[in-house]
């Protein structure tokens, strides 16, 4: 555990402006498979790719071979392939993001996204790291509806519908 030397009296009460999401970085062992799935599932378009990286990037992500940005609307994914094989699936006892939640406009959209995932999975065009199927659409006590599914790398997304908007 890291200790801080500042006392509560020394911490500024002014917060900087709230940050906004720019992209979600996703590590993959098969960039072509990953780009194809994000294109076909979310409707992403390839925006740019890099094969040369800064010293900082190379020190943080040794063996990185290529980075491709795919984007749909304001949602960007940075898909990067590393030279070494990535062992194991995400999850387990590693400290990491557990899932990314994306909001949809209606309960019907949840059903449509789940059906799209099932159709793409059944097509056999993609190599999935996990055999995990999407959950059913569930409704919590507040009426919020969700469905959980994984990408080709085994990373989990929650698609959710919140009645009445954001809370």
Protein backbone atom coordinates (compact mmCIF):
# COMPACT_ATOMS: atom_id res chain seq x y z
CA UNK A 1 0.00 0.00 0.00
CA UNK A 2 1.31 3.43 -0.89
CA UNK A 3 1.30 6.15 1.74
CA UNK A 4 0.81 9.81 0.98
CA UNK A 5 2.78 12.55 2.72
CA UNK A 6 0.15 15.27 2.26
CA UNK A 7 -2.20 15.90 5.14
CA UNK A 8 -5.90 16.48 4.46
CA UNK A 9 -5.33 20.17 5.20
CA UNK A 10 -2.83 20.40 2.31
CA UNK A 11 -5.09 18.96 -0.40
CA UNK A 12 -6.61 21.51 -2.76
CA UNK A 13 -10.40 21.66 -2.63
CA UNK A 14 -10.60 22.75 -6.27
CA UNK A 15 -11.03 19.93 -8.74
CA UNK A 16 -9.89 20.32 -12.32
CA UNK A 17 -12.62 19.99 -14.98
CA UNK A 18 -14.03 16.46 -15.24
CA UNK A 19 -12.22 14.32 -17.81
CA UNK A 20 -14.07 12.82 -20.78
CA UNK A 21 -13.61 9.38 -22.27
CA UNK A 22 -11.41 9.38 -25.38
CA UNK A 23 -10.90 5.67 -26.11
CA UNK A 24 -10.82 2.19 -24.66
CA UNK A 25 -7.50 0.39 -25.17
CA UNK A 26 -7.75 -3.32 -25.93
CA UNK A 27 -4.83 -5.71 -26.13
CA UNK A 28 -5.16 -8.60 -28.55
CA UNK A 29 -3.09 -11.45 -29.90
CA UNK A 30 -4.86 -11.35 -33.29
CA UNK A 31 -5.35 -7.81 -34.59
CA UNK A 32 -7.06 -8.78 -37.86
CA UNK A 33 -9.64 -10.92 -35.99
CA UNK A 34 -10.21 -8.16 -33.42
CA UNK A 35 -10.57 -5.35 -35.99
CA UNK A 36 -13.01 -7.47 -38.02
CA UNK A 37 -15.15 -8.23 -34.96
CA UNK A 38 -15.32 -4.58 -33.80
CA UNK A 39 -16.16 -3.54 -37.36
CA UNK A 40 -18.87 -6.17 -37.74
CA UNK A 41 -20.34 -6.03 -34.22
CA UNK A 42 -20.29 -2.31 -33.36
CA UNK A 43 -20.08 -0.98 -36.94
CA UNK A 44 -16.67 0.59 -36.29
CA UNK A 45 -14.54 2.00 -39.11
CA UNK A 46 -10.75 1.87 -39.11
CA UNK A 47 -9.41 5.39 -38.63
CA UNK A 48 -5.62 4.91 -38.48
CA UNK A 49 -2.84 2.44 -37.65
CA UNK A 50 0.68 2.72 -36.25
CA UNK A 51 3.62 0.36 -36.39
CA UNK A 52 6.25 2.67 -34.85
CA UNK A 53 5.97 3.78 -31.24
CA UNK A 54 7.55 6.22 -28.82
CA UNK A 55 10.11 5.07 -26.27
CA UNK A 56 7.47 5.58 -23.56
CA UNK A 57 4.95 3.35 -25.35
CA UNK A 58 7.56 0.67 -25.98
CA UNK A 59 8.62 0.71 -22.31
CA UNK A 60 4.99 0.38 -21.12
CA UNK A 61 3.92 -2.17 -23.75
CA UNK A 62 6.98 -4.19 -24.73
CA UNK A 63 6.61 -6.14 -27.94
CA UNK A 64 3.77 -4.01 -29.30
CA UNK A 65 3.58 -4.64 -33.05
CA UNK A 66 0.66 -2.56 -34.27
CA UNK A 67 -2.07 -0.23 -33.01
CA UNK A 68 -5.30 0.42 -34.92
CA UNK A 69 -8.01 2.87 -33.93
CA UNK A 70 -11.56 1.90 -34.82
CA UNK A 71 -14.45 4.27 -34.22
CA UNK A 72 -18.23 4.44 -34.38
CA UNK A 73 -19.92 7.72 -33.40
CA UNK A 74 -17.98 9.10 -30.43
CA UNK A 75 -16.88 5.63 -29.32
CA UNK A 76 -13.23 4.81 -30.06
CA UNK A 77 -11.30 1.60 -29.46
CA UNK A 78 -7.52 1.38 -29.64
CA UNK A 79 -6.79 -2.20 -30.60
CA UNK A 80 -3.18 -3.20 -30.14
CA UNK A 81 -1.35 -6.37 -30.96
CA UNK A 82 1.71 -7.51 -29.02
CA UNK A 83 4.49 -9.72 -30.35
CA UNK A 84 4.28 -12.18 -27.46
CA UNK A 85 1.30 -14.48 -27.09
CA UNK A 86 -1.14 -13.33 -24.46
CA UNK A 87 -1.72 -16.20 -22.09
CA UNK A 88 -5.09 -16.81 -20.47
CA UNK A 89 -8.35 -14.95 -20.51
CA UNK A 90 -9.07 -11.66 -18.78
CA UNK A 91 -10.60 -11.93 -15.33
CA UNK A 92 -9.71 -14.18 -12.46
CA UNK A 93 -7.65 -12.68 -9.68
CA UNK A 94 -5.91 -9.96 -11.75
CA UNK A 95 -6.53 -6.32 -10.89
CA UNK A 96 -8.12 -4.85 -14.02
CA UNK A 97 -11.31 -3.25 -15.27
CA UNK A 98 -14.07 -5.82 -14.78
CA UNK A 99 -16.24 -4.61 -17.65
CA UNK A 100 -17.11 -1.57 -19.77
CA UNK A 101 -20.74 -0.43 -19.76
CA UNK A 102 -22.31 1.10 -22.85
CA UNK A 103 -25.80 2.60 -22.72
CA UNK A 104 -28.42 1.91 -25.38
CA UNK A 105 -31.58 3.86 -26.21
CA UNK A 106 -34.27 1.24 -25.67
CA UNK A 107 -34.98 -2.25 -24.35
CA UNK A 108 -35.41 -3.36 -27.97
CA UNK A 109 -31.83 -2.24 -28.66
CA UNK A 110 -30.59 -4.61 -25.94
CA UNK A 111 -32.33 -7.52 -27.64
CA UNK A 112 -30.99 -6.45 -31.05
CA UNK A 113 -27.38 -6.22 -29.79
CA UNK A 114 -27.63 -9.62 -28.13
CA UNK A 115 -29.06 -11.14 -31.33
CA UNK A 116 -26.30 -9.47 -33.39
CA UNK A 117 -23.64 -11.02 -31.11
CA UNK A 118 -25.25 -14.47 -31.46
CA UNK A 119 -25.45 -14.12 -35.25
CA UNK A 120 -21.78 -13.10 -35.57
CA UNK A 121 -20.68 -15.85 -33.19
CA UNK A 122 -22.61 -18.47 -35.18
CA UNK A 123 -21.10 -17.25 -38.46
CA UNK A 124 -17.78 -18.89 -37.61
CA UNK A 125 -15.86 -15.91 -39.03
CA UNK A 126 -14.15 -15.04 -35.73
CA UNK A 127 -11.86 -16.81 -33.30
CA UNK A 128 -13.22 -16.24 -29.78
CA UNK A 129 -10.89 -16.62 -26.77
CA UNK A 130 -13.85 -17.73 -24.63
CA UNK A 131 -16.91 -19.90 -25.14
CA UNK A 132 -18.93 -17.58 -22.89
CA UNK A 133 -22.29 -16.71 -24.40
CA UNK A 134 -24.15 -13.44 -23.75
CA UNK A 135 -26.39 -13.31 -20.73
CA UNK A 136 -30.12 -12.96 -21.09
CA UNK A 137 -31.45 -9.42 -20.81
CA UNK A 138 -32.17 -8.92 -17.10
CA UNK A 139 -34.12 -6.20 -15.29
CA UNK A 140 -33.13 -4.99 -11.82
CA UNK A 141 -35.45 -3.63 -9.11
CA UNK A 142 -35.13 -0.07 -10.50
CA UNK A 143 -36.16 -1.12 -14.02
CA UNK A 144 -32.63 -0.88 -15.44
CA UNK A 145 -32.11 -3.58 -18.06
CA UNK A 146 -28.73 -5.10 -18.94
CA UNK A 147 -27.07 -7.77 -21.03
CA UNK A 148 -23.43 -8.87 -20.66
CA UNK A 149 -21.33 -10.18 -23.54
CA UNK A 150 -17.66 -10.65 -24.38
CA UNK A 151 -15.56 -9.56 -27.36
CA UNK A 152 -13.28 -11.92 -29.29
CA UNK A 153 -10.56 -11.45 -26.61
CA UNK A 154 -12.86 -12.40 -23.71
CA UNK A 155 -13.28 -8.78 -22.51
CA UNK A 156 -16.69 -8.12 -21.01
CA UNK A 157 -19.12 -5.42 -22.09
CA UNK A 158 -22.36 -4.55 -20.35
CA UNK A 159 -25.05 -3.08 -22.58
CA UNK A 160 -27.64 -1.30 -20.49
CA UNK A 161 -30.88 0.59 -20.85
CA UNK A 162 -31.74 3.09 -18.12
CA UNK A 163 -35.41 4.16 -18.17
CA UNK A 164 -35.76 7.92 -17.99
CA UNK A 165 -32.13 8.56 -18.93
CA UNK A 166 -28.91 8.80 -16.97
CA UNK A 167 -28.77 8.28 -13.21
